[in-house]
Amino acid sequence: MVRFLSTEEVAELAGIAPDTISSYLSRSRGRPPEKRLIPEPDILLGASRPVPGWRLETILAWLASRPGAGARRDLRR
């Protein structure tokens, strides 16, 4: 059985607020994968108001690829 992480669990692993994860999701819509602030959820649960869920492996890979506090990604070429 596959277990999916909630927004709150992802935020805890990343050391940021759950609202930040929600903001990353909304700001990433329509961006190409390499420009997203957080990976696309692995699953959406629910019909009327879907709740995102991620596999642990997805989040661990994302955390490993994050540049770290204070990095200015907008200055890279």
PDB file of N, CA and C in Angstrom:
ATOM      1  N   MET A   1       0.845  -1.199   0.000  1.00  0.00           N
ATOM      2  CA  MET A   1       0.000   0.000   0.000  1.00  0.00           C
ATOM      3  C   MET A   1       0.878   1.247   0.000  1.00  0.00           C
ATOM      4  N   VAL A   2       0.569   2.160  -0.902  1.00  0.00           N
ATOM      5  CA  VAL A   2       1.323   3.405  -1.005  1.00  0.00           C
ATOM      6  C   VAL A   2       0.712   4.427  -0.065  1.00  0.00           C
ATOM      7  N   ARG A   3       1.562   5.114   0.676  1.00  0.00           N
ATOM      8  CA  ARG A   3       1.115   6.175   1.574  1.00  0.00           C
ATOM      9  C   ARG A   3       1.502   7.514   0.958  1.00  0.00           C
ATOM     10  N   PHE A   4       0.589   8.450   0.986  1.00  0.00           N
ATOM     11  CA  PHE A   4       0.834   9.776   0.440  1.00  0.00           C
ATOM     12  C   PHE A   4       0.918  10.789   1.572  1.00  0.00           C
ATOM     13  N   LEU A   5       1.814  11.756   1.418  1.00  0.00           N
ATOM     14  CA  LEU A   5       2.001  12.799   2.417  1.00  0.00           C
ATOM     15  C   LEU A   5       1.052  13.959   2.158  1.00  0.00           C
ATOM     16  N   SER A   6       0.533  14.509   3.233  1.00  0.00           N
ATOM     17  CA  SER A   6      -0.354  15.675   3.143  1.00  0.00           C
ATOM     18  C   SER A   6       0.483  16.952   3.050  1.00  0.00           C
ATOM     19  N   THR A   7      -0.173  18.045   2.779  1.00  0.00           N
ATOM     20  CA  THR A   7       0.481  19.349   2.751  1.00  0.00           C
ATOM     21  C   THR A   7       1.178  19.623   4.073  1.00  0.00           C
ATOM     22  N   GLU A   8       0.531  19.303   5.172  1.00  0.00           N
ATOM     23  CA  GLU A   8       1.102  19.535   6.496  1.00  0.00           C
ATOM     24  C   GLU A   8       2.357  18.694   6.716  1.00  0.00           C
ATOM     25  N   GLU A   9       2.330  17.451   6.264  1.00  0.00           N
ATOM     26  CA  GLU A   9       3.490  16.573   6.429  1.00  0.00           C
ATOM     27  C   GLU A   9       4.661  17.027   5.558  1.00  0.00           C
ATOM     28  N   VAL A  10       4.363  17.481   4.348  1.00  0.00           N
ATOM     29  CA  VAL A  10       5.411  17.992   3.466  1.00  0.00           C
ATOM     30  C   VAL A  10       6.029  19.241   4.085  1.00  0.00           C
ATOM     31  N   ALA A  11       5.199  20.119   4.606  1.00  0.00           N
ATOM     32  CA  ALA A  11       5.690  21.342   5.241  1.00  0.00           C
ATOM     33  C   ALA A  11       6.597  21.011   6.424  1.00  0.00           C
ATOM     34  N   GLU A  12       6.210  20.034   7.220  1.00  0.00           N
ATOM     35  CA  GLU A  12       7.023  19.645   8.370  1.00  0.00           C
ATOM     36  C   GLU A  12       8.389  19.115   7.924  1.00  0.00           C
ATOM     37  N   LEU A  13       8.408  18.278   6.902  1.00  0.00           N
ATOM     38  CA  LEU A  13       9.670  17.751   6.382  1.00  0.00           C
ATOM     39  C   LEU A  13      10.563  18.862   5.830  1.00  0.00           C
ATOM     40  N   ALA A  14       9.948  19.850   5.200  1.00  0.00           N
ATOM     41  CA  ALA A  14      10.696  20.944   4.582  1.00  0.00           C
ATOM     42  C   ALA A  14      11.070  22.037   5.583  1.00  0.00           C
ATOM     43  N   GLY A  15      10.442  22.017   6.752  1.00  0.00           N
ATOM     44  CA  GLY A  15      10.717  23.041   7.747  1.00  0.00           C
ATOM     45  C   GLY A  15      10.098  24.386   7.412  1.00  0.00           C
ATOM     46  N   ILE A  16       8.951  24.339   6.732  1.00  0.00           N
ATOM     47  CA  ILE A  16       8.237  25.560   6.366  1.00  0.00           C
ATOM     48  C   ILE A  16       6.769  25.420   6.759  1.00  0.00           C
ATOM     49  N   ALA A  17       6.023  26.493   6.650  1.00  0.00           N
ATOM     50  CA  ALA A  17       4.614  26.494   7.050  1.00  0.00           C
ATOM     51  C   ALA A  17       3.750  25.817   5.983  1.00  0.00           C
ATOM     52  N   PRO A  18       2.665  25.150   6.407  1.00  0.00           N
ATOM     53  CA  PRO A  18       1.743  24.555   5.431  1.00  0.00           C
ATOM     54  C   PRO A  18       1.210  25.563   4.421  1.00  0.00           C
ATOM     55  N   ASP A  19       0.998  26.799   4.844  1.00  0.00           N
ATOM     56  CA  ASP A  19       0.528  27.832   3.913  1.00  0.00           C
ATOM     57  C   ASP A  19       1.550  28.102   2.809  1.00  0.00           C
ATOM     58  N   THR A  20       2.833  27.917   3.117  1.00  0.00           N
ATOM     59  CA  THR A  20       3.874  28.101   2.110  1.00  0.00           C
ATOM     60  C   THR A  20       3.762  27.028   1.037  1.00  0.00           C
ATOM     61  N   ILE A  21       3.488  25.795   1.452  1.00  0.00           N
ATOM     62  CA  ILE A  21       3.307  24.704   0.488  1.00  0.00           C
ATOM     63  C   ILE A  21       2.116  25.030  -0.420  1.00  0.00           C
ATOM     64  N   SER A  22       1.021  25.484   0.177  1.00  0.00           N
ATOM     65  CA  SER A  22      -0.155  25.860  -0.618  1.00  0.00           C
ATOM     66  C   SER A  22       0.169  26.988  -1.588  1.00  0.00           C
ATOM     67  N   SER A  23       0.962  27.949  -1.140  1.00  0.00           N
ATOM     68  CA  SER A  23       1.377  29.054  -2.007  1.00  0.00           C
ATOM     69  C   SER A  23       2.257  28.547  -3.144  1.00  0.00           C
ATOM     70  N   TYR A  24       3.197  27.651  -2.834  1.00  0.00           N
ATOM     71  CA  TYR A  24       4.050  27.069  -3.877  1.00  0.00           C
ATOM     72  C   TYR A  24       3.197  26.376  -4.936  1.00  0.00           C
ATOM     73  N   LEU A  25       2.180  25.645  -4.490  1.00  0.00           N
ATOM     74  CA  LEU A  25       1.300  24.942  -5.433  1.00  0.00           C
ATOM     75  C   LEU A  25       0.586  25.922  -6.354  1.00  0.00           C
ATOM     76  N   SER A  26      -0.013  26.952  -5.781  1.00  0.00           N
ATOM     77  CA  SER A  26      -0.784  27.885  -6.603  1.00  0.00           C
ATOM     78  C   SER A  26       0.125  28.688  -7.532  1.00  0.00           C
ATOM     79  N   ARG A  27       1.327  29.054  -7.074  1.00  0.00           N
ATOM     80  CA  ARG A  27       2.253  29.821  -7.896  1.00  0.00           C
ATOM     81  C   ARG A  27       2.924  28.970  -8.966  1.00  0.00           C
ATOM     82  N   SER A  28       2.872  27.646  -8.833  1.00  0.00           N
ATOM     83  CA  SER A  28       3.513  26.751  -9.797  1.00  0.00           C
ATOM     84  C   SER A  28       2.593  26.344 -10.934  1.00  0.00           C
ATOM     85  N   ARG A  29       1.305  26.596 -10.801  1.00  0.00           N
ATOM     86  CA  ARG A  29       0.359  26.192 -11.850  1.00  0.00           C
ATOM     87  C   ARG A  29       0.743  26.800 -13.191  1.00  0.00           C
ATOM     88  N   GLY A  30       0.769  25.949 -14.209  1.00  0.00           N
ATOM     89  CA  GLY A  30       1.061  26.405 -15.554  1.00  0.00           C
ATOM     90  C   GLY A  30       2.539  26.551 -15.875  1.00  0.00           C
ATOM     91  N   ARG A  31       3.403  26.375 -14.884  1.00  0.00           N
ATOM     92  CA  ARG A  31       4.837  26.479 -15.135  1.00  0.00           C
ATOM     93  C   ARG A  31       5.376  25.134 -15.615  1.00  0.00           C
ATOM     94  N   PRO A  32       6.451  25.170 -16.398  1.00  0.00           N
ATOM     95  CA  PRO A  32       7.090  23.906 -16.777  1.00  0.00           C
ATOM     96  C   PRO A  32       7.714  23.262 -15.538  1.00  0.00           C
ATOM     97  N   PRO A  33       7.912  21.952 -15.552  1.00  0.00           N
ATOM     98  CA  PRO A  33       8.414  21.246 -14.362  1.00  0.00           C
ATOM     99  C   PRO A  33       9.679  21.854 -13.752  1.00  0.00           C
ATOM    100  N   GLU A  34      10.604  22.317 -14.574  1.00  0.00           N
ATOM    101  CA  GLU A  34      11.859  22.851 -14.038  1.00  0.00           C
ATOM    102  C   GLU A  34      11.692  24.221 -13.372  1.00  0.00           C
ATOM    103  N   LYS A  35      10.565  24.861 -13.581  1.00  0.00           N
ATOM    104  CA  LYS A  35      10.298  26.175 -12.981  1.00  0.00           C
ATOM    105  C   LYS A  35       9.317  26.107 -11.808  1.00  0.00           C
ATOM    106  N   ARG A  36       8.836  24.910 -11.493  1.00  0.00           N
ATOM    107  CA  ARG A  36       7.864  24.765 -10.408  1.00  0.00           C
ATOM    108  C   ARG A  36       8.552  24.938  -9.059  1.00  0.00           C
ATOM    109  N   LEU A  37       7.834  25.470  -8.093  1.00  0.00           N
ATOM    110  CA  LEU A  37       8.360  25.656  -6.752  1.00  0.00           C
ATOM    111  C   LEU A  37       8.247  24.384  -5.909  1.00  0.00           C
ATOM    112  N   ILE A  38       7.374  23.487  -6.315  1.00  0.00           N
ATOM    113  CA  ILE A  38       7.162  22.212  -5.635  1.00  0.00           C
ATOM    114  C   ILE A  38       6.708  21.212  -6.707  1.00  0.00           C
ATOM    115  N   PRO A  39       7.039  19.946  -6.541  1.00  0.00           N
ATOM    116  CA  PRO A  39       6.600  18.977  -7.563  1.00  0.00           C
ATOM    117  C   PRO A  39       5.076  18.877  -7.644  1.00  0.00           C
ATOM    118  N   GLU A  40       4.623  18.514  -8.821  1.00  0.00           N
ATOM    119  CA  GLU A  40       3.204  18.224  -9.019  1.00  0.00           C
ATOM    120  C   GLU A  40       2.802  17.125  -8.033  1.00  0.00           C
ATOM    121  N   PRO A  41       1.647  17.233  -7.385  1.00  0.00           N
ATOM    122  CA  PRO A  41       1.214  16.148  -6.486  1.00  0.00           C
ATOM    123  C   PRO A  41       1.119  14.823  -7.248  1.00  0.00           C
ATOM    124  N   ASP A  42       1.445  13.748  -6.554  1.00  0.00           N
ATOM    125  CA  ASP A  42       1.347  12.420  -7.149  1.00  0.00           C
ATOM    126  C   ASP A  42      -0.103  11.956  -7.252  1.00  0.00           C
ATOM    127  N   ILE A  43      -0.961  12.545  -6.419  1.00  0.00           N
ATOM    128  CA  ILE A  43      -2.369  12.165  -6.407  1.00  0.00           C
ATOM    129  C   ILE A  43      -3.207  13.346  -5.908  1.00  0.00           C
ATOM    130  N   LEU A  44      -4.429  13.435  -6.380  1.00  0.00           N
ATOM    131  CA  LEU A  44      -5.412  14.387  -5.856  1.00  0.00           C
ATOM    132  C   LEU A  44      -6.579  13.561  -5.334  1.00  0.00           C
ATOM    133  N   LEU A  45      -6.906  13.757  -4.078  1.00  0.00           N
ATOM    134  CA  LEU A  45      -7.986  13.000  -3.447  1.00  0.00           C
ATOM    135  C   LEU A  45      -9.205  13.875  -3.245  1.00  0.00           C
ATOM    136  N   GLY A  46     -10.352  13.364  -3.575  1.00  0.00           N
ATOM    137  CA  GLY A  46     -11.602  14.096  -3.403  1.00  0.00           C
ATOM    138  C   GLY A  46     -12.099  14.643  -4.722  1.00  0.00           C
ATOM    139  N   ALA A  47     -13.363  14.934  -4.763  1.00  0.00           N
ATOM    140  CA  ALA A  47     -13.975  15.379  -6.009  1.00  0.00           C
ATOM    141  C   ALA A  47     -14.229  16.883  -6.018  1.00  0.00           C
ATOM    142  N   SER A  48     -14.963  17.386  -5.042  1.00  0.00           N
ATOM    143  CA  SER A  48     -15.355  18.791  -5.080  1.00  0.00           C
ATOM    144  C   SER A  48     -14.191  19.727  -4.756  1.00  0.00           C
ATOM    145  N   ARG A  49     -13.358  19.342  -3.815  1.00  0.00           N
ATOM    146  CA  ARG A  49     -12.196  20.155  -3.441  1.00  0.00           C
ATOM    147  C   ARG A  49     -11.008  19.220  -3.246  1.00  0.00           C
ATOM    148  N   PRO A  50     -10.302  18.883  -4.342  1.00  0.00           N
ATOM    149  CA  PRO A  50      -9.232  17.889  -4.265  1.00  0.00           C
ATOM    150  C   PRO A  50      -8.111  18.281  -3.310  1.00  0.00           C
ATOM    151  N   VAL A  51      -7.601  17.301  -2.604  1.00  0.00           N
ATOM    152  CA  VAL A  51      -6.501  17.476  -1.655  1.00  0.00           C
ATOM    153  C   VAL A  51      -5.262  16.812  -2.261  1.00  0.00           C
ATOM    154  N   PRO A  52      -4.141  17.552  -2.356  1.00  0.00           N
ATOM    155  CA  PRO A  52      -2.946  16.965  -2.949  1.00  0.00           C
ATOM    156  C   PRO A  52      -2.259  15.981  -2.012  1.00  0.00           C
ATOM    157  N   GLY A  53      -1.585  15.012  -2.618  1.00  0.00           N
ATOM    158  CA  GLY A  53      -0.790  14.053  -1.866  1.00  0.00           C
ATOM    159  C   GLY A  53       0.474  13.717  -2.639  1.00  0.00           C
ATOM    160  N   TRP A  54       1.579  13.544  -1.929  1.00  0.00           N
ATOM    161  CA  TRP A  54       2.865  13.235  -2.542  1.00  0.00           C
ATOM    162  C   TRP A  54       3.444  11.968  -1.936  1.00  0.00           C
ATOM    163  N   ARG A  55       4.164  11.197  -2.762  1.00  0.00           N
ATOM    164  CA  ARG A  55       4.933  10.061  -2.255  1.00  0.00           C
ATOM    165  C   ARG A  55       6.151  10.618  -1.524  1.00  0.00           C
ATOM    166  N   LEU A  56       6.605   9.904  -0.519  1.00  0.00           N
ATOM    167  CA  LEU A  56       7.780  10.330   0.241  1.00  0.00           C
ATOM    168  C   LEU A  56       8.975  10.511  -0.696  1.00  0.00           C
ATOM    169  N   GLU A  57       9.144   9.608  -1.654  1.00  0.00           N
ATOM    170  CA  GLU A  57      10.274   9.689  -2.585  1.00  0.00           C
ATOM    171  C   GLU A  57      10.242  10.983  -3.401  1.00  0.00           C
ATOM    172  N   THR A  58       9.063  11.407  -3.789  1.00  0.00           N
ATOM    173  CA  THR A  58       8.913  12.649  -4.560  1.00  0.00           C
ATOM    174  C   THR A  58       9.405  13.833  -3.746  1.00  0.00           C
ATOM    175  N   ILE A  59       9.000  13.881  -2.481  1.00  0.00           N
ATOM    176  CA  ILE A  59       9.359  15.015  -1.625  1.00  0.00           C
ATOM    177  C   ILE A  59      10.833  14.974  -1.249  1.00  0.00           C
ATOM    178  N   LEU A  60      11.371  13.794  -0.985  1.00  0.00           N
ATOM    179  CA  LEU A  60      12.794  13.705  -0.647  1.00  0.00           C
ATOM    180  C   LEU A  60      13.659  14.168  -1.824  1.00  0.00           C
ATOM    181  N   ALA A  61      13.274  13.808  -3.044  1.00  0.00           N
ATOM    182  CA  ALA A  61      14.010  14.259  -4.231  1.00  0.00           C
ATOM    183  C   ALA A  61      13.908  15.778  -4.377  1.00  0.00           C
ATOM    184  N   TRP A  62      12.720  16.320  -4.129  1.00  0.00           N
ATOM    185  CA  TRP A  62      12.524  17.766  -4.204  1.00  0.00           C
ATOM    186  C   TRP A  62      13.384  18.483  -3.160  1.00  0.00           C
ATOM    187  N   LEU A  63      13.376  17.982  -1.931  1.00  0.00           N
ATOM    188  CA  LEU A  63      14.163  18.607  -0.867  1.00  0.00           C
ATOM    189  C   LEU A  63      15.654  18.575  -1.202  1.00  0.00           C
ATOM    190  N   ALA A  64      16.110  17.476  -1.777  1.00  0.00           N
ATOM    191  CA  ALA A  64      17.529  17.346  -2.129  1.00  0.00           C
ATOM    192  C   ALA A  64      17.925  18.316  -3.242  1.00  0.00           C
ATOM    193  N   SER A  65      16.969  18.710  -4.074  1.00  0.00           N
ATOM    194  CA  SER A  65      17.283  19.589  -5.202  1.00  0.00           C
ATOM    195  C   SER A  65      17.091  21.068  -4.880  1.00  0.00           C
ATOM    196  N   ARG A  66      16.555  21.379  -3.710  1.00  0.00           N
ATOM    197  CA  ARG A  66      16.321  22.782  -3.356  1.00  0.00           C
ATOM    198  C   ARG A  66      17.645  23.487  -3.101  1.00  0.00           C
ATOM    199  N   PRO A  67      17.786  24.737  -3.527  1.00  0.00           N
ATOM    200  CA  PRO A  67      19.071  25.420  -3.437  1.00  0.00           C
ATOM    201  C   PRO A  67      19.480  25.833  -2.022  1.00  0.00           C
ATOM    202  N   GLY A  68      18.550  25.920  -1.097  1.00  0.00           N
ATOM    203  CA  GLY A  68      18.896  26.313   0.269  1.00  0.00           C
ATOM    204  C   GLY A  68      18.484  27.738   0.573  1.00  0.00           C
ATOM    205  N   ALA A  69      18.485  28.057   1.833  1.00  0.00           N
ATOM    206  CA  ALA A  69      18.055  29.374   2.293  1.00  0.00           C
ATOM    207  C   ALA A  69      18.953  30.467   1.728  1.00  0.00           C
ATOM    208  N   GLY A  70      18.354  31.519   1.240  1.00  0.00           N
ATOM    209  CA  GLY A  70      19.085  32.671   0.750  1.00  0.00           C
ATOM    210  C   GLY A  70      19.549  32.585  -0.690  1.00  0.00           C
ATOM    211  N   ALA A  71      19.321  31.461  -1.352  1.00  0.00           N
ATOM    212  CA  ALA A  71      19.754  31.328  -2.744  1.00  0.00           C
ATOM    213  C   ALA A  71      18.872  32.176  -3.650  1.00  0.00           C
ATOM    214  N   ARG A  72      19.490  32.867  -4.582  1.00  0.00           N
ATOM    215  CA  ARG A  72      18.763  33.704  -5.534  1.00  0.00           C
ATOM    216  C   ARG A  72      18.704  32.982  -6.863  1.00  0.00           C
ATOM    217  N   ARG A  73      17.668  32.204  -7.069  1.00  0.00           N
ATOM    218  CA  ARG A  73      17.522  31.436  -8.309  1.00  0.00           C
ATOM    219  C   ARG A  73      17.257  32.339  -9.511  1.00  0.00           C
ATOM    220  N   ASP A  74      16.723  33.524  -9.254  1.00  0.00           N
ATOM    221  CA  ASP A  74      16.398  34.426 -10.364  1.00  0.00           C
ATOM    222  C   ASP A  74      17.644  35.036 -10.991  1.00  0.00           C
ATOM    223  N   LEU A  75      18.800  34.918 -10.353  1.00  0.00           N
ATOM    224  CA  LEU A  75      20.020  35.483 -10.889  1.00  0.00           C
ATOM    225  C   LEU A  75      20.805  34.490 -11.748  1.00  0.00           C
ATOM    226  N   ARG A  76      20.385  33.234 -11.762  1.00  0.00           N
ATOM    227  CA  ARG A  76      21.077  32.212 -12.551  1.00  0.00           C
ATOM    228  C   ARG A  76      20.750  32.360 -14.025  1.00  0.00           C
ATOM    229  N   ARG A  77      21.693  32.005 -14.847  1.00  0.00           N
ATOM    230  CA  ARG A  77      21.468  32.041 -16.294  1.00  0.00           C
ATOM    231  C   ARG A  77      21.276  30.656 -16.811  1.00  0.00           C
TER     232      ARG A  77
END
